[in-house]
PDB file of N, CA and C in Angstrom:
ATOM      1  N   UNK A   1       2.052  11.911 -11.753  1.00  0.00           N
ATOM      2  CA  UNK A   1       1.924  10.488 -11.994  1.00  0.00           C
ATOM      3  C   UNK A   1       0.503  10.060 -11.670  1.00  0.00           C
ATOM      4  N   UNK A   2      -0.250   9.796 -12.653  1.00  0.00           N
ATOM      5  CA  UNK A   2      -1.621   9.399 -12.395  1.00  0.00           C
ATOM      6  C   UNK A   2      -2.004   8.267 -13.321  1.00  0.00           C
ATOM      7  N   UNK A   3      -2.304   7.102 -12.718  1.00  0.00           N
ATOM      8  CA  UNK A   3      -2.875   6.064 -13.558  1.00  0.00           C
ATOM      9  C   UNK A   3      -4.350   6.412 -13.665  1.00  0.00           C
ATOM     10  N   UNK A   4      -5.111   5.594 -14.388  1.00  0.00           N
ATOM     11  CA  UNK A   4      -6.486   5.999 -14.566  1.00  0.00           C
ATOM     12  C   UNK A   4      -7.180   6.053 -13.225  1.00  0.00           C
ATOM     13  N   UNK A   5      -8.176   6.945 -13.100  1.00  0.00           N
ATOM     14  CA  UNK A   5      -8.724   7.259 -11.791  1.00  0.00           C
ATOM     15  C   UNK A   5      -9.348   6.070 -11.081  1.00  0.00           C
ATOM     16  N   UNK A   6      -9.028   5.341 -10.386  1.00  0.00           N
ATOM     17  CA  UNK A   6      -9.598   4.195  -9.696  1.00  0.00           C
ATOM     18  C   UNK A   6      -9.075   2.880 -10.257  1.00  0.00           C
ATOM     19  N   UNK A   7      -8.011   2.930 -11.011  1.00  0.00           N
ATOM     20  CA  UNK A   7      -7.368   1.717 -11.468  1.00  0.00           C
ATOM     21  C   UNK A   7      -5.929   1.693 -10.957  1.00  0.00           C
ATOM     22  N   UNK A   8      -5.780   1.649  -9.627  1.00  0.00           N
ATOM     23  CA  UNK A   8      -4.439   1.611  -9.059  1.00  0.00           C
ATOM     24  C   UNK A   8      -3.698   0.352  -9.494  1.00  0.00           C
ATOM     25  N   UNK A   9      -2.398   0.514  -9.722  1.00  0.00           N
ATOM     26  CA  UNK A   9      -1.559  -0.592 -10.169  1.00  0.00           C
ATOM     27  C   UNK A   9      -0.536  -0.956  -9.103  1.00  0.00           C
ATOM     28  N   UNK A  10      -0.104  -2.226  -9.079  1.00  0.00           N
ATOM     29  CA  UNK A  10       0.907  -2.654  -8.110  1.00  0.00           C
ATOM     30  C   UNK A  10       2.146  -1.758  -8.166  1.00  0.00           C
ATOM     31  N   UNK A  11       2.620  -1.399  -6.972  1.00  0.00           N
ATOM     32  CA  UNK A  11       3.788  -0.539  -6.839  1.00  0.00           C
ATOM     33  C   UNK A  11       3.448   0.929  -6.659  1.00  0.00           C
ATOM     34  N   UNK A  12       2.210   1.310  -6.934  1.00  0.00           N
ATOM     35  CA  UNK A  12       1.811   2.706  -6.745  1.00  0.00           C
ATOM     36  C   UNK A  12       1.438   2.952  -5.286  1.00  0.00           C
ATOM     37  N   UNK A  13       1.631   4.187  -4.864  1.00  0.00           N
ATOM     38  CA  UNK A  13       1.215   4.615  -3.524  1.00  0.00           C
ATOM     39  C   UNK A  13       0.009   5.525  -3.694  1.00  0.00           C
ATOM     40  N   UNK A  14      -1.076   5.195  -3.010  1.00  0.00           N
ATOM     41  CA  UNK A  14      -2.324   5.953  -3.088  1.00  0.00           C
ATOM     42  C   UNK A  14      -2.778   6.373  -1.698  1.00  0.00           C
ATOM     43  N   UNK A  15      -3.346   7.580  -1.600  1.00  0.00           N
ATOM     44  CA  UNK A  15      -4.097   7.944  -0.403  1.00  0.00           C
ATOM     45  C   UNK A  15      -5.362   7.103  -0.455  1.00  0.00           C
ATOM     46  N   UNK A  16      -5.610   6.370   0.611  1.00  0.00           N
ATOM     47  CA  UNK A  16      -6.722   5.431   0.656  1.00  0.00           C
ATOM     48  C   UNK A  16      -7.593   5.713   1.871  1.00  0.00           C
ATOM     49  N   UNK A  17      -8.899   5.636   1.689  1.00  0.00           N
ATOM     50  CA  UNK A  17      -9.839   5.823   2.793  1.00  0.00           C
ATOM     51  C   UNK A  17     -10.142   4.457   3.406  1.00  0.00           C
ATOM     52  N   UNK A  18      -9.549   4.179   4.564  1.00  0.00           N
ATOM     53  CA  UNK A  18      -9.757   2.904   5.244  1.00  0.00           C
ATOM     54  C   UNK A  18     -10.993   2.925   6.148  1.00  0.00           C
ATOM     55  N   UNK A  19     -11.659   4.061   6.229  1.00  0.00           N
ATOM     56  CA  UNK A  19     -12.899   4.122   7.001  1.00  0.00           C
ATOM     57  C   UNK A  19     -12.678   4.305   8.491  1.00  0.00           C
ATOM     58  N   UNK A  20     -13.703   3.916   9.252  1.00  0.00           N
ATOM     59  CA  UNK A  20     -13.689   4.092  10.704  1.00  0.00           C
ATOM     60  C   UNK A  20     -12.674   3.175  11.374  1.00  0.00           C
ATOM     61  N   UNK A  21     -12.113   3.637  12.503  1.00  0.00           N
ATOM     62  CA  UNK A  21     -11.095   2.825  13.177  1.00  0.00           C
ATOM     63  C   UNK A  21     -11.675   1.568  13.816  1.00  0.00           C
ATOM     64  N   UNK A  22     -10.893   0.529  13.785  1.00  0.00           N
ATOM     65  CA  UNK A  22     -11.170  -0.728  14.474  1.00  0.00           C
ATOM     66  C   UNK A  22      -9.844  -1.100  15.122  1.00  0.00           C
ATOM     67  N   UNK A  23      -9.847  -1.636  16.346  1.00  0.00           N
ATOM     68  CA  UNK A  23      -8.578  -1.906  17.029  1.00  0.00           C
ATOM     69  C   UNK A  23      -7.580  -2.673  16.159  1.00  0.00           C
ATOM     70  N   UNK A  24      -6.371  -2.159  16.117  1.00  0.00           N
ATOM     71  CA  UNK A  24      -5.224  -2.781  15.446  1.00  0.00           C
ATOM     72  C   UNK A  24      -5.317  -2.785  13.921  1.00  0.00           C
ATOM     73  N   UNK A  25      -6.222  -2.002  13.337  1.00  0.00           N
ATOM     74  CA  UNK A  25      -6.337  -1.901  11.885  1.00  0.00           C
ATOM     75  C   UNK A  25      -6.148  -0.453  11.469  1.00  0.00           C
ATOM     76  N   UNK A  26      -5.709  -0.231  10.227  1.00  0.00           N
ATOM     77  CA  UNK A  26      -5.573   1.144   9.742  1.00  0.00           C
ATOM     78  C   UNK A  26      -6.950   1.799   9.645  1.00  0.00           C
ATOM     79  N   UNK A  27      -6.974   3.111   9.831  1.00  0.00           N
ATOM     80  CA  UNK A  27      -8.243   3.833   9.756  1.00  0.00           C
ATOM     81  C   UNK A  27      -8.016   5.186   9.094  1.00  0.00           C
ATOM     82  N   UNK A  28      -9.103   5.778   8.655  1.00  0.00           N
ATOM     83  CA  UNK A  28      -9.043   7.101   8.052  1.00  0.00           C
ATOM     84  C   UNK A  28      -8.316   7.089   6.726  1.00  0.00           C
ATOM     85  N   UNK A  29      -7.950   8.278   6.281  1.00  0.00           N
ATOM     86  CA  UNK A  29      -7.216   8.418   5.016  1.00  0.00           C
ATOM     87  C   UNK A  29      -5.730   8.379   5.290  1.00  0.00           C
ATOM     88  N   UNK A  30      -5.056   7.493   4.578  1.00  0.00           N
ATOM     89  CA  UNK A  30      -3.612   7.339   4.750  1.00  0.00           C
ATOM     90  C   UNK A  30      -3.020   6.742   3.485  1.00  0.00           C
ATOM     91  N   UNK A  31      -1.728   6.907   3.294  1.00  0.00           N
ATOM     92  CA  UNK A  31      -1.101   6.292   2.123  1.00  0.00           C
ATOM     93  C   UNK A  31      -1.053   4.774   2.262  1.00  0.00           C
ATOM     94  N   UNK A  32      -1.083   4.108   1.119  1.00  0.00           N
ATOM     95  CA  UNK A  32      -0.961   2.650   1.075  1.00  0.00           C
ATOM     96  C   UNK A  32      -0.291   2.271  -0.234  1.00  0.00           C
ATOM     97  N   UNK A  33       0.452   1.170  -0.201  1.00  0.00           N
ATOM     98  CA  UNK A  33       1.099   0.640  -1.396  1.00  0.00           C
ATOM     99  C   UNK A  33       0.185  -0.424  -1.995  1.00  0.00           C
ATOM    100  N   UNK A  34      -0.102  -0.283  -3.268  1.00  0.00           N
ATOM    101  CA  UNK A  34      -0.910  -1.287  -3.977  1.00  0.00           C
ATOM    102  C   UNK A  34      -0.013  -2.490  -4.255  1.00  0.00           C
ATOM    103  N   UNK A  35      -0.452  -3.687  -3.840  1.00  0.00           N
ATOM    104  CA  UNK A  35       0.343  -4.891  -4.062  1.00  0.00           C
ATOM    105  C   UNK A  35      -0.356  -5.888  -4.996  1.00  0.00           C
ATOM    106  N   UNK A  36      -1.558  -5.608  -5.410  1.00  0.00           N
ATOM    107  CA  UNK A  36      -2.249  -6.509  -6.333  1.00  0.00           C
ATOM    108  C   UNK A  36      -3.662  -6.034  -6.588  1.00  0.00           C
ATOM    109  N   UNK A  37      -4.392  -6.739  -7.394  1.00  0.00           N
ATOM    110  CA  UNK A  37      -3.999  -8.001  -8.003  1.00  0.00           C
ATOM    111  C   UNK A  37      -3.057  -7.784  -9.179  1.00  0.00           C
ATOM    112  N   UNK A  38      -2.221  -8.763  -9.398  1.00  0.00           N
ATOM    113  CA  UNK A  38      -1.312  -8.729 -10.538  1.00  0.00           C
ATOM    114  C   UNK A  38      -1.869  -9.699 -11.562  1.00  0.00           C
ATOM    115  N   UNK A  39      -2.701  -9.178 -12.436  1.00  0.00           N
ATOM    116  CA  UNK A  39      -3.357  -9.981 -13.456  1.00  0.00           C
ATOM    117  C   UNK A  39      -3.726  -9.090 -14.625  1.00  0.00           C
ATOM    118  N   UNK A  40      -3.814  -9.652 -15.782  1.00  0.00           N
ATOM    119  CA  UNK A  40      -4.199  -8.861 -16.958  1.00  0.00           C
ATOM    120  C   UNK A  40      -5.664  -8.443 -16.893  1.00  0.00           C
ATOM    121  N   UNK A  41      -6.429  -9.077 -16.018  1.00  0.00           N
ATOM    122  CA  UNK A  41      -7.851  -8.736 -15.892  1.00  0.00           C
ATOM    123  C   UNK A  41      -8.137  -7.885 -14.662  1.00  0.00           C
ATOM    124  N   UNK A  42      -7.130  -7.282 -14.063  1.00  0.00           N
ATOM    125  CA  UNK A  42      -7.329  -6.545 -12.818  1.00  0.00           C
ATOM    126  C   UNK A  42      -8.316  -5.396 -12.959  1.00  0.00           C
ATOM    127  N   UNK A  43      -8.432  -4.799 -14.152  1.00  0.00           N
ATOM    128  CA  UNK A  43      -9.363  -3.680 -14.307  1.00  0.00           C
ATOM    129  C   UNK A  43     -10.817  -4.132 -14.206  1.00  0.00           C
ATOM    130  N   UNK A  44     -11.081  -5.427 -14.340  1.00  0.00           N
ATOM    131  CA  UNK A  44     -12.453  -5.916 -14.220  1.00  0.00           C
ATOM    132  C   UNK A  44     -12.799  -6.277 -12.773  1.00  0.00           C
ATOM    133  N   UNK A  45     -11.809  -6.286 -11.890  1.00  0.00           N
ATOM    134  CA  UNK A  45     -12.054  -6.607 -10.486  1.00  0.00           C
ATOM    135  C   UNK A  45     -12.394  -5.337  -9.707  1.00  0.00           C
ATOM    136  N   UNK A  46     -13.342  -5.422  -8.766  1.00  0.00           N
ATOM    137  CA  UNK A  46     -13.766  -4.224  -8.039  1.00  0.00           C
ATOM    138  C   UNK A  46     -12.888  -3.871  -6.835  1.00  0.00           C
ATOM    139  N   UNK A  47     -11.798  -4.605  -6.615  1.00  0.00           N
ATOM    140  CA  UNK A  47     -10.976  -4.395  -5.434  1.00  0.00           C
ATOM    141  C   UNK A  47      -9.491  -4.362  -5.792  1.00  0.00           C
ATOM    142  N   UNK A  48      -8.699  -3.896  -4.818  1.00  0.00           N
ATOM    143  CA  UNK A  48      -7.243  -3.960  -4.905  1.00  0.00           C
ATOM    144  C   UNK A  48      -6.718  -4.458  -3.566  1.00  0.00           C
ATOM    145  N   UNK A  49      -5.508  -5.034  -3.580  1.00  0.00           N
ATOM    146  CA  UNK A  49      -4.832  -5.419  -2.349  1.00  0.00           C
ATOM    147  C   UNK A  49      -3.849  -4.314  -1.990  1.00  0.00           C
ATOM    148  N   UNK A  50      -3.868  -3.902  -0.734  1.00  0.00           N
ATOM    149  CA  UNK A  50      -3.042  -2.791  -0.276  1.00  0.00           C
ATOM    150  C   UNK A  50      -2.262  -3.166   0.973  1.00  0.00           C
ATOM    151  N   UNK A  51      -1.130  -2.491   1.151  1.00  0.00           N
ATOM    152  CA  UNK A  51      -0.385  -2.516   2.402  1.00  0.00           C
ATOM    153  C   UNK A  51      -0.394  -1.079   2.925  1.00  0.00           C
ATOM    154  N   UNK A  52      -1.031  -0.841   4.071  1.00  0.00           N
ATOM    155  CA  UNK A  52      -1.090   0.529   4.601  1.00  0.00           C
ATOM    156  C   UNK A  52       0.277   1.005   5.078  1.00  0.00           C
ATOM    157  N   UNK A  53       0.458   2.319   5.042  1.00  0.00           N
ATOM    158  CA  UNK A  53       1.678   2.937   5.555  1.00  0.00           C
ATOM    159  C   UNK A  53       1.372   3.643   6.863  1.00  0.00           C
ATOM    160  N   UNK A  54       2.368   3.702   7.720  1.00  0.00           N
ATOM    161  CA  UNK A  54       2.250   4.420   8.983  1.00  0.00           C
ATOM    162  C   UNK A  54       3.502   5.265   9.185  1.00  0.00           C
ATOM    163  N   UNK A  55       3.339   6.387   9.879  1.00  0.00           N
ATOM    164  CA  UNK A  55       4.513   7.195  10.245  1.00  0.00           C
ATOM    165  C   UNK A  55       5.051   6.777  11.606  1.00  0.00           C
ATOM    166  N   UNK A  56       4.291   5.951  12.337  1.00  0.00           N
ATOM    167  CA  UNK A  56       4.726   5.461  13.645  1.00  0.00           C
ATOM    168  C   UNK A  56       5.727   4.331  13.439  1.00  0.00           C
ATOM    169  N   UNK A  57       6.935   4.548  13.901  1.00  0.00           N
ATOM    170  CA  UNK A  57       7.991   3.545  13.750  1.00  0.00           C
ATOM    171  C   UNK A  57       7.895   2.542  14.895  1.00  0.00           C
ATOM    172  N   UNK A  58       7.498   1.323  14.570  1.00  0.00           N
ATOM    173  CA  UNK A  58       7.368   0.263  15.575  1.00  0.00           C
ATOM    174  C   UNK A  58       8.509  -0.751  15.478  1.00  0.00           C
ATOM    175  N   UNK A  59       9.315  -0.639  14.451  1.00  0.00           N
ATOM    176  CA  UNK A  59      10.476  -1.505  14.243  1.00  0.00           C
ATOM    177  C   UNK A  59      10.080  -2.986  14.246  1.00  0.00           C
ATOM    178  N   UNK A  60       8.942  -3.275  13.659  1.00  0.00           N
ATOM    179  CA  UNK A  60       8.469  -4.647  13.509  1.00  0.00           C
ATOM    180  C   UNK A  60       9.230  -5.310  12.363  1.00  0.00           C
ATOM    181  N   UNK A  61       9.431  -6.601  12.471  1.00  0.00           N
ATOM    182  CA  UNK A  61      10.126  -7.345  11.420  1.00  0.00           C
ATOM    183  C   UNK A  61       9.362  -7.305  10.100  1.00  0.00           C
ATOM    184  N   UNK A  62       8.044  -7.095  10.173  1.00  0.00           N
ATOM    185  CA  UNK A  62       7.233  -7.078   8.948  1.00  0.00           C
ATOM    186  C   UNK A  62       7.025  -5.669   8.394  1.00  0.00           C
ATOM    187  N   UNK A  63       7.651  -4.662   9.009  1.00  0.00           N
ATOM    188  CA  UNK A  63       7.536  -3.286   8.517  1.00  0.00           C
ATOM    189  C   UNK A  63       8.722  -2.952   7.626  1.00  0.00           C
ATOM    190  N   UNK A  64       8.425  -2.322   6.491  1.00  0.00           N
ATOM    191  CA  UNK A  64       9.465  -1.919   5.551  1.00  0.00           C
ATOM    192  C   UNK A  64       9.522  -0.399   5.543  1.00  0.00           C
ATOM    193  N   UNK A  65      10.658   0.163   5.956  1.00  0.00           N
ATOM    194  CA  UNK A  65      10.806   1.618   6.009  1.00  0.00           C
ATOM    195  C   UNK A  65      10.895   2.203   4.602  1.00  0.00           C
ATOM    196  N   UNK A  66      10.171   3.317   4.406  1.00  0.00           N
ATOM    197  CA  UNK A  66      10.156   3.998   3.107  1.00  0.00           C
ATOM    198  C   UNK A  66      10.435   5.481   3.337  1.00  0.00           C
ATOM    199  N   UNK A  67      11.616   5.955   2.955  1.00  0.00           N
ATOM    200  CA  UNK A  67      11.901   7.381   3.092  1.00  0.00           C
ATOM    201  C   UNK A  67      11.161   8.163   2.010  1.00  0.00           C
ATOM    202  N   UNK A  68      10.840   9.418   2.288  1.00  0.00           N
ATOM    203  CA  UNK A  68      10.144  10.219   1.270  1.00  0.00           C
ATOM    204  C   UNK A  68      11.064  10.562   0.101  1.00  0.00           C
ATOM    205  N   UNK A  69      10.510  10.491  -1.106  1.00  0.00           N
ATOM    206  CA  UNK A  69      11.232  10.889  -2.314  1.00  0.00           C
ATOM    207  C   UNK A  69      10.250  11.601  -3.234  1.00  0.00           C
ATOM    208  N   UNK A  70      10.787  12.258  -4.217  1.00  0.00           N
ATOM    209  CA  UNK A  70       9.935  12.907  -5.212  1.00  0.00           C
ATOM    210  C   UNK A  70       9.094  11.867  -5.960  1.00  0.00           C
ATOM    211  N   UNK A  71       9.676  10.701  -6.218  1.00  0.00           N
ATOM    212  CA  UNK A  71       8.982   9.660  -6.980  1.00  0.00           C
ATOM    213  C   UNK A  71       7.812   9.042  -6.226  1.00  0.00           C
ATOM    214  N   UNK A  72       7.978   8.849  -4.890  1.00  0.00           N
ATOM    215  CA  UNK A  72       6.895   8.179  -4.157  1.00  0.00           C
ATOM    216  C   UNK A  72       5.867   9.160  -3.591  1.00  0.00           C
ATOM    217  N   UNK A  73       6.185  10.441  -3.568  1.00  0.00           N
ATOM    218  CA  UNK A  73       5.217  11.441  -3.144  1.00  0.00           C
ATOM    219  C   UNK A  73       5.000  11.555  -1.644  1.00  0.00           C
ATOM    220  N   UNK A  74       5.728  10.775  -0.850  1.00  0.00           N
ATOM    221  CA  UNK A  74       5.575  10.851   0.607  1.00  0.00           C
ATOM    222  C   UNK A  74       6.286  12.090   1.141  1.00  0.00           C
ATOM    223  N   UNK A  75       5.785  12.623   2.247  1.00  0.00           N
ATOM    224  CA  UNK A  75       6.414  13.788   2.865  1.00  0.00           C
ATOM    225  C   UNK A  75       7.121  13.441   4.172  1.00  0.00           C
ATOM    226  N   UNK A  76       6.909  12.217   4.676  1.00  0.00           N
ATOM    227  CA  UNK A  76       7.536  11.751   5.910  1.00  0.00           C
ATOM    228  C   UNK A  76       8.032  10.321   5.710  1.00  0.00           C
ATOM    229  N   UNK A  77       9.067   9.960   6.459  1.00  0.00           N
ATOM    230  CA  UNK A  77       9.484   8.566   6.473  1.00  0.00           C
ATOM    231  C   UNK A  77       8.321   7.750   6.999  1.00  0.00           C
ATOM    232  N   UNK A  78       8.009   6.686   6.303  1.00  0.00           N
ATOM    233  CA  UNK A  78       6.865   5.848   6.656  1.00  0.00           C
ATOM    234  C   UNK A  78       7.313   4.394   6.706  1.00  0.00           C
ATOM    235  N   UNK A  79       6.421   3.538   7.187  1.00  0.00           N
ATOM    236  CA  UNK A  79       6.690   2.103   7.206  1.00  0.00           C
ATOM    237  C   UNK A  79       5.501   1.377   6.596  1.00  0.00           C
ATOM    238  N   UNK A  80       5.790   0.496   5.641  1.00  0.00           N
ATOM    239  CA  UNK A  80       4.758  -0.349   5.051  1.00  0.00           C
ATOM    240  C   UNK A  80       4.471  -1.475   6.041  1.00  0.00           C
ATOM    241  N   UNK A  81       3.222  -1.608   6.444  1.00  0.00           N
ATOM    242  CA  UNK A  81       2.811  -2.605   7.425  1.00  0.00           C
ATOM    243  C   UNK A  81       2.344  -3.868   6.695  1.00  0.00           C
ATOM    244  N   UNK A  82       3.295  -4.675   6.258  1.00  0.00           N
ATOM    245  CA  UNK A  82       2.942  -5.811   5.404  1.00  0.00           C
ATOM    246  C   UNK A  82       2.062  -6.834   6.105  1.00  0.00           C
ATOM    247  N   UNK A  83       2.055  -6.851   7.429  1.00  0.00           N
ATOM    248  CA  UNK A  83       1.179  -7.782   8.145  1.00  0.00           C
ATOM    249  C   UNK A  83      -0.291  -7.360   8.076  1.00  0.00           C
ATOM    250  N   UNK A  84      -0.549  -6.140   7.598  1.00  0.00           N
ATOM    251  CA  UNK A  84      -1.922  -5.635   7.507  1.00  0.00           C
ATOM    252  C   UNK A  84      -2.440  -5.599   6.075  1.00  0.00           C
ATOM    253  N   UNK A  85      -1.854  -6.395   5.177  1.00  0.00           N
ATOM    254  CA  UNK A  85      -2.318  -6.429   3.795  1.00  0.00           C
ATOM    255  C   UNK A  85      -3.811  -6.752   3.792  1.00  0.00           C
ATOM    256  N   UNK A  86      -4.545  -6.025   2.948  1.00  0.00           N
ATOM    257  CA  UNK A  86      -5.992  -6.247   2.882  1.00  0.00           C
ATOM    258  C   UNK A  86      -6.531  -5.832   1.534  1.00  0.00           C
ATOM    259  N   UNK A  87      -7.705  -6.326   1.224  1.00  0.00           N
ATOM    260  CA  UNK A  87      -8.350  -5.906  -0.013  1.00  0.00           C
ATOM    261  C   UNK A  87      -9.399  -4.859   0.326  1.00  0.00           C
ATOM    262  N   UNK A  88      -9.510  -3.874  -0.556  1.00  0.00           N
ATOM    263  CA  UNK A  88     -10.521  -2.827  -0.409  1.00  0.00           C
ATOM    264  C   UNK A  88     -11.083  -2.510  -1.791  1.00  0.00           C
ATOM    265  N   UNK A  89     -12.233  -1.902  -1.803  1.00  0.00           N
ATOM    266  CA  UNK A  89     -12.815  -1.444  -3.057  1.00  0.00           C
ATOM    267  C   UNK A  89     -11.888  -0.423  -3.705  1.00  0.00           C
ATOM    268  N   UNK A  90     -11.768  -0.483  -5.025  1.00  0.00           N
ATOM    269  CA  UNK A  90     -10.967   0.524  -5.739  1.00  0.00           C
ATOM    270  C   UNK A  90     -11.476   1.927  -5.444  1.00  0.00           C
ATOM    271  N   UNK A  91     -12.774   2.046  -5.129  1.00  0.00           N
ATOM    272  CA  UNK A  91     -13.357   3.359  -4.844  1.00  0.00           C
ATOM    273  C   UNK A  91     -12.757   4.000  -3.595  1.00  0.00           C
ATOM    274  N   UNK A  92     -12.112   3.215  -2.747  1.00  0.00           N
ATOM    275  CA  UNK A  92     -11.468   3.767  -1.546  1.00  0.00           C
ATOM    276  C   UNK A  92     -10.129   4.429  -1.863  1.00  0.00           C
ATOM    277  N   UNK A  93      -9.598   4.182  -3.045  1.00  0.00           N
ATOM    278  CA  UNK A  93      -8.342   4.803  -3.471  1.00  0.00           C
ATOM    279  C   UNK A  93      -8.666   6.204  -3.986  1.00  0.00           C
ATOM    280  N   UNK A  94      -8.187   7.208  -3.275  1.00  0.00           N
ATOM    281  CA  UNK A  94      -8.579   8.596  -3.512  1.00  0.00           C
ATOM    282  C   UNK A  94      -7.660   9.310  -4.493  1.00  0.00           C
ATOM    283  N   UNK A  95      -6.362   9.215  -4.246  1.00  0.00           N
ATOM    284  CA  UNK A  95      -5.398   9.993  -5.043  1.00  0.00           C
ATOM    285  C   UNK A  95      -4.061   9.273  -5.087  1.00  0.00           C
ATOM    286  N   UNK A  96      -3.472   9.180  -6.269  1.00  0.00           N
ATOM    287  CA  UNK A  96      -2.154   8.574  -6.385  1.00  0.00           C
ATOM    288  C   UNK A  96      -1.093   9.589  -5.976  1.00  0.00           C
ATOM    289  N   UNK A  97      -0.180   9.150  -5.103  1.00  0.00           N
ATOM    290  CA  UNK A  97       0.929  10.008  -4.688  1.00  0.00           C
ATOM    291  C   UNK A  97       2.150   9.801  -5.568  1.00  0.00           C
ATOM    292  N   UNK A  98       2.448   8.548  -5.891  1.00  0.00           N
ATOM    293  CA  UNK A  98       3.655   8.251  -6.657  1.00  0.00           C
ATOM    294  C   UNK A  98       3.831   6.761  -6.783  1.00  0.00           C
ATOM    295  N   UNK A  99       5.094   6.365  -6.917  1.00  0.00           N
ATOM    296  CA  UNK A  99       5.407   4.942  -7.101  1.00  0.00           C
ATOM    297  C   UNK A  99       6.598   4.587  -6.225  1.00  0.00           C
ATOM    298  N   UNK A 100       6.587   3.378  -5.713  1.00  0.00           N
ATOM    299  CA  UNK A 100       7.634   2.937  -4.799  1.00  0.00           C
ATOM    300  C   UNK A 100       8.853   2.462  -5.594  1.00  0.00           C
ATOM    301  N   UNK A 101      10.044   2.584  -5.018  1.00  0.00           N
ATOM    302  CA  UNK A 101      11.254   2.133  -5.705  1.00  0.00           C
ATOM    303  C   UNK A 101      11.343   0.607  -5.654  1.00  0.00           C
ATOM    304  N   UNK A 102      12.104   0.034  -6.570  1.00  0.00           N
ATOM    305  CA  UNK A 102      12.147  -1.423  -6.720  1.00  0.00           C
ATOM    306  C   UNK A 102      12.707  -2.130  -5.491  1.00  0.00           C
ATOM    307  N   UNK A 103      13.655  -1.523  -4.786  1.00  0.00           N
ATOM    308  CA  UNK A 103      14.228  -2.163  -3.595  1.00  0.00           C
ATOM    309  C   UNK A 103      13.156  -2.365  -2.521  1.00  0.00           C
ATOM    310  N   UNK A 104      12.383  -1.340  -2.254  1.00  0.00           N
ATOM    311  CA  UNK A 104      11.342  -1.447  -1.225  1.00  0.00           C
ATOM    312  C   UNK A 104      10.154  -2.280  -1.713  1.00  0.00           C
ATOM    313  N   UNK A 105       9.841  -2.175  -3.003  1.00  0.00           N
ATOM    314  CA  UNK A 105       8.787  -3.002  -3.577  1.00  0.00           C
ATOM    315  C   UNK A 105       9.118  -4.486  -3.374  1.00  0.00           C
ATOM    316  N   UNK A 106      10.355  -4.872  -3.671  1.00  0.00           N
ATOM    317  CA  UNK A 106      10.764  -6.262  -3.488  1.00  0.00           C
ATOM    318  C   UNK A 106      10.755  -6.669  -2.018  1.00  0.00           C
ATOM    319  N   UNK A 107      11.143  -5.757  -1.124  1.00  0.00           N
ATOM    320  CA  UNK A 107      11.132  -6.057   0.318  1.00  0.00           C
ATOM    321  C   UNK A 107       9.703  -6.269   0.826  1.00  0.00           C
ATOM    322  N   UNK A 108       8.753  -5.471   0.357  1.00  0.00           N
ATOM    323  CA  UNK A 108       7.350  -5.644   0.756  1.00  0.00           C
ATOM    324  C   UNK A 108       6.831  -6.987   0.248  1.00  0.00           C
ATOM    325  N   UNK A 109       7.100  -7.292  -1.010  1.00  0.00           N
ATOM    326  CA  UNK A 109       6.651  -8.571  -1.587  1.00  0.00           C
ATOM    327  C   UNK A 109       7.230  -9.751  -0.814  1.00  0.00           C
ATOM    328  N   UNK A 110       8.502  -9.686  -0.479  1.00  0.00           N
ATOM    329  CA  UNK A 110       9.155 -10.771   0.267  1.00  0.00           C
ATOM    330  C   UNK A 110       8.546 -10.903   1.667  1.00  0.00           C
ATOM    331  N   UNK A 111       8.274  -9.785   2.319  1.00  0.00           N
ATOM    332  CA  UNK A 111       7.668  -9.813   3.650  1.00  0.00           C
ATOM    333  C   UNK A 111       6.288 -10.467   3.608  1.00  0.00           C
ATOM    334  N   UNK A 112       5.490 -10.123   2.608  1.00  0.00           N
ATOM    335  CA  UNK A 112       4.154 -10.718   2.472  1.00  0.00           C
ATOM    336  C   UNK A 112       4.280 -12.220   2.205  1.00  0.00           C
ATOM    337  N   UNK A 113       5.195 -12.605   1.329  1.00  0.00           N
ATOM    338  CA  UNK A 113       5.410 -14.038   1.050  1.00  0.00           C
ATOM    339  C   UNK A 113       5.742 -14.797   2.329  1.00  0.00           C
ATOM    340  N   UNK A 114       6.625 -14.219   3.166  1.00  0.00           N
ATOM    341  CA  UNK A 114       7.006 -14.876   4.414  1.00  0.00           C
ATOM    342  C   UNK A 114       5.835 -14.998   5.374  1.00  0.00           C
ATOM    343  N   UNK A 115       4.956 -14.018   5.389  1.00  0.00           N
ATOM    344  CA  UNK A 115       3.794 -14.057   6.280  1.00  0.00           C
ATOM    345  C   UNK A 115       2.780 -15.124   5.870  1.00  0.00           C
ATOM    346  N   UNK A 116       2.705 -15.405   4.565  1.00  0.00           N
ATOM    347  CA  UNK A 116       1.702 -16.348   4.068  1.00  0.00           C
ATOM    348  C   UNK A 116       2.229 -17.751   3.814  1.00  0.00           C
ATOM    349  N   UNK A 117       3.449 -18.024   4.215  1.00  0.00           N
ATOM    350  CA  UNK A 117       3.975 -19.386   4.033  1.00  0.00           C
ATOM    351  C   UNK A 117       3.250 -20.330   4.974  1.00  0.00           C
ATOM    352  N   UNK A 118       2.783 -21.416   4.412  1.00  0.00           N
ATOM    353  CA  UNK A 118       2.162 -22.460   5.246  1.00  0.00           C
ATOM    354  C   UNK A 118       2.318 -23.807   4.596  1.00  0.00           C
TER     355      UNK A 118
END
């Protein structure tokens, strides 16, 4: 499963280079779920919105558990950290692993919506 090289699409899981560690932020290379932008012009934008994944189970209300499947390409149960949604350059997306199932995709979207209500 490979979309064009550096044009990650919403719902895909990519190994992403988050760079050097900073307290309480994702660092290094790790899987992340692409959550946007959702627009017909997304290929002209130099960034994507991502939710990083972690294998550390913190049982946070904003974490969505994702078991490994052939479709998503994960090898360990992970948690989408929706409270850490961020934009990064498309160039930080290294390799597509797979695609997330609709149940978890909807749960991540709902979690992000709840975090941004104001």
